[in-house]
């Protein structure tokens, strides 16, 4: 079921008339759009919302979005300029309970 959903998300984003999509598709990269637009489309279409985020060493924002029940999930990466790209999607997201290890002292 999820491959069809992912294809739908990619199709919706790919059909958005933005020059970054044409460039991304030509280069074999995932479709990219302004972050607000990507978040809105995932919320409207799949009821996904951000549940986790982190900043990469190069300043990009990585976010995990999922439904309340974890049925579907999407990972996006946003540039400092505000463009977001879907890099992965799937189903069956499960929050892992645990404590991360601290830095060595």
C-alpha atoms as a PDB file:
ATOM      1  CA  UNK A   1       0.000   0.000   0.000  1.00  0.00           C
ATOM      2  CA  UNK A   2       2.719   2.519   0.894  1.00  0.00           C
ATOM      3  CA  UNK A   3       4.527   2.408  -2.488  1.00  0.00           C
ATOM      4  CA  UNK A   4       1.323   3.704  -4.091  1.00  0.00           C
ATOM      5  CA  UNK A   5       1.099   6.482  -1.497  1.00  0.00           C
ATOM      6  CA  UNK A   6       4.743   7.445  -2.037  1.00  0.00           C
ATOM      7  CA  UNK A   7       4.208   7.539  -5.790  1.00  0.00           C
ATOM      8  CA  UNK A   8       1.195   9.789  -5.235  1.00  0.00           C
ATOM      9  CA  UNK A   9       3.191  12.164  -3.035  1.00  0.00           C
ATOM     10  CA  UNK A  10       6.011  12.298  -5.548  1.00  0.00           C
ATOM     11  CA  UNK A  11       3.532  12.831  -8.392  1.00  0.00           C
ATOM     12  CA  UNK A  12       1.797  15.681  -6.542  1.00  0.00           C
ATOM     13  CA  UNK A  13       5.105  17.336  -5.765  1.00  0.00           C
ATOM     14  CA  UNK A  14       6.431  16.721  -9.259  1.00  0.00           C
ATOM     15  CA  UNK A  15       3.388  18.323 -10.870  1.00  0.00           C
ATOM     16  CA  UNK A  16       3.804  21.491  -8.832  1.00  0.00           C
ATOM     17  CA  UNK A  17       5.059  24.096 -11.333  1.00  0.00           C
ATOM     18  CA  UNK A  18       8.405  24.958  -9.785  1.00  0.00           C
ATOM     19  CA  UNK A  19      11.703  25.061 -11.597  1.00  0.00           C
ATOM     20  CA  UNK A  20      13.417  23.092  -8.814  1.00  0.00           C
ATOM     21  CA  UNK A  21      11.241  20.074  -9.663  1.00  0.00           C
ATOM     22  CA  UNK A  22      12.339  20.012 -13.279  1.00  0.00           C
ATOM     23  CA  UNK A  23      15.972  20.271 -12.244  1.00  0.00           C
ATOM     24  CA  UNK A  24      15.608  17.614  -9.538  1.00  0.00           C
ATOM     25  CA  UNK A  25      13.824  15.162 -11.828  1.00  0.00           C
ATOM     26  CA  UNK A  26      16.387  15.630 -14.583  1.00  0.00           C
ATOM     27  CA  UNK A  27      19.220  14.988 -12.154  1.00  0.00           C
ATOM     28  CA  UNK A  28      17.502  11.895 -10.693  1.00  0.00           C
ATOM     29  CA  UNK A  29      16.975  13.562  -7.318  1.00  0.00           C
ATOM     30  CA  UNK A  30      13.762  13.546  -5.291  1.00  0.00           C
ATOM     31  CA  UNK A  31      11.239  16.327  -5.982  1.00  0.00           C
ATOM     32  CA  UNK A  32      11.721  19.456  -3.902  1.00  0.00           C
ATOM     33  CA  UNK A  33       9.364  22.296  -3.027  1.00  0.00           C
ATOM     34  CA  UNK A  34       9.167  25.032  -0.400  1.00  0.00           C
ATOM     35  CA  UNK A  35       9.020  23.452   3.082  1.00  0.00           C
ATOM     36  CA  UNK A  36       5.650  24.982   3.965  1.00  0.00           C
ATOM     37  CA  UNK A  37       4.139  23.493   0.816  1.00  0.00           C
ATOM     38  CA  UNK A  38       5.573  20.010   1.474  1.00  0.00           C
ATOM     39  CA  UNK A  39       4.382  20.040   5.110  1.00  0.00           C
ATOM     40  CA  UNK A  40       0.926  21.219   4.029  1.00  0.00           C
ATOM     41  CA  UNK A  41       0.596  18.559   1.312  1.00  0.00           C
ATOM     42  CA  UNK A  42       1.638  15.750   3.657  1.00  0.00           C
ATOM     43  CA  UNK A  43      -0.789  16.997   6.328  1.00  0.00           C
ATOM     44  CA  UNK A  44      -3.713  17.430   3.936  1.00  0.00           C
ATOM     45  CA  UNK A  45      -3.237  14.255   1.962  1.00  0.00           C
ATOM     46  CA  UNK A  46      -1.875  11.800   4.564  1.00  0.00           C
ATOM     47  CA  UNK A  47      -2.534  13.492   7.933  1.00  0.00           C
ATOM     48  CA  UNK A  48       1.191  13.404   8.689  1.00  0.00           C
ATOM     49  CA  UNK A  49       2.835  15.933  10.997  1.00  0.00           C
ATOM     50  CA  UNK A  50       6.435  16.437  12.173  1.00  0.00           C
ATOM     51  CA  UNK A  51       7.381  14.376  15.235  1.00  0.00           C
ATOM     52  CA  UNK A  52      11.175  14.637  15.198  1.00  0.00           C
ATOM     53  CA  UNK A  53      13.791  16.978  13.764  1.00  0.00           C
ATOM     54  CA  UNK A  54      17.521  17.533  13.708  1.00  0.00           C
ATOM     55  CA  UNK A  55      20.096  19.766  12.050  1.00  0.00           C
ATOM     56  CA  UNK A  56      22.828  18.240   9.894  1.00  0.00           C
ATOM     57  CA  UNK A  57      26.448  19.365  10.007  1.00  0.00           C
ATOM     58  CA  UNK A  58      25.801  21.292   6.769  1.00  0.00           C
ATOM     59  CA  UNK A  59      22.818  23.171   8.208  1.00  0.00           C
ATOM     60  CA  UNK A  60      19.974  21.195   6.632  1.00  0.00           C
ATOM     61  CA  UNK A  61      16.892  20.313   8.661  1.00  0.00           C
ATOM     62  CA  UNK A  62      15.938  16.613   8.719  1.00  0.00           C
ATOM     63  CA  UNK A  63      12.369  15.878   9.832  1.00  0.00           C
ATOM     64  CA  UNK A  64      10.295  12.775  10.390  1.00  0.00           C
ATOM     65  CA  UNK A  65       6.561  13.175   9.796  1.00  0.00           C
ATOM     66  CA  UNK A  66       4.008  10.518  10.660  1.00  0.00           C
ATOM     67  CA  UNK A  67       0.333   9.985  11.319  1.00  0.00           C
ATOM     68  CA  UNK A  68      -0.927   9.863  14.893  1.00  0.00           C
ATOM     69  CA  UNK A  69      -1.102   6.074  14.764  1.00  0.00           C
ATOM     70  CA  UNK A  70       2.210   5.673  12.906  1.00  0.00           C
ATOM     71  CA  UNK A  71       0.500   4.052   9.932  1.00  0.00           C
ATOM     72  CA  UNK A  72       2.573   6.083   7.442  1.00  0.00           C
ATOM     73  CA  UNK A  73       5.728   8.181   7.721  1.00  0.00           C
ATOM     74  CA  UNK A  74       7.877  10.452   5.580  1.00  0.00           C
ATOM     75  CA  UNK A  75      11.391  11.842   6.027  1.00  0.00           C
ATOM     76  CA  UNK A  76      12.182  15.204   4.466  1.00  0.00           C
ATOM     77  CA  UNK A  77      15.358  17.260   4.281  1.00  0.00           C
ATOM     78  CA  UNK A  78      15.077  21.044   4.086  1.00  0.00           C
ATOM     79  CA  UNK A  79      17.848  23.383   2.982  1.00  0.00           C
ATOM     80  CA  UNK A  80      18.607  26.635   4.801  1.00  0.00           C
ATOM     81  CA  UNK A  81      16.992  28.347   1.791  1.00  0.00           C
ATOM     82  CA  UNK A  82      13.652  26.653   2.607  1.00  0.00           C
ATOM     83  CA  UNK A  83      13.473  23.954  -0.081  1.00  0.00           C
ATOM     84  CA  UNK A  84      12.372  20.509   1.183  1.00  0.00           C
ATOM     85  CA  UNK A  85      12.891  17.157  -0.484  1.00  0.00           C
ATOM     86  CA  UNK A  86      11.229  13.845   0.370  1.00  0.00           C
ATOM     87  CA  UNK A  87      14.024  11.336   0.878  1.00  0.00           C
ATOM     88  CA  UNK A  88      12.137   8.336   2.300  1.00  0.00           C
ATOM     89  CA  UNK A  89       8.625   7.172   3.131  1.00  0.00           C
ATOM     90  CA  UNK A  90       7.062   4.041   4.505  1.00  0.00           C
ATOM     91  CA  UNK A  91       4.548   2.577   6.901  1.00  0.00           C
ATOM     92  CA  UNK A  92       4.502   1.205  10.420  1.00  0.00           C
ATOM     93  CA  UNK A  93       6.440   3.947  12.228  1.00  0.00           C
ATOM     94  CA  UNK A  94       7.099   2.962  15.830  1.00  0.00           C
ATOM     95  CA  UNK A  95       8.461   5.291  18.470  1.00  0.00           C
ATOM     96  CA  UNK A  96      11.334   3.601  20.210  1.00  0.00           C
ATOM     97  CA  UNK A  97      11.488   4.096  23.951  1.00  0.00           C
ATOM     98  CA  UNK A  98      14.999   4.412  25.201  1.00  0.00           C
ATOM     99  CA  UNK A  99      17.627   6.754  26.443  1.00  0.00           C
ATOM    100  CA  UNK A 100      20.453   7.903  24.219  1.00  0.00           C
ATOM    101  CA  UNK A 101      23.928   7.549  25.630  1.00  0.00           C
ATOM    102  CA  UNK A 102      25.579  10.792  26.620  1.00  0.00           C
ATOM    103  CA  UNK A 103      28.967  11.953  25.401  1.00  0.00           C
ATOM    104  CA  UNK A 104      31.967  10.238  26.893  1.00  0.00           C
ATOM    105  CA  UNK A 105      33.486  12.071  29.819  1.00  0.00           C
END
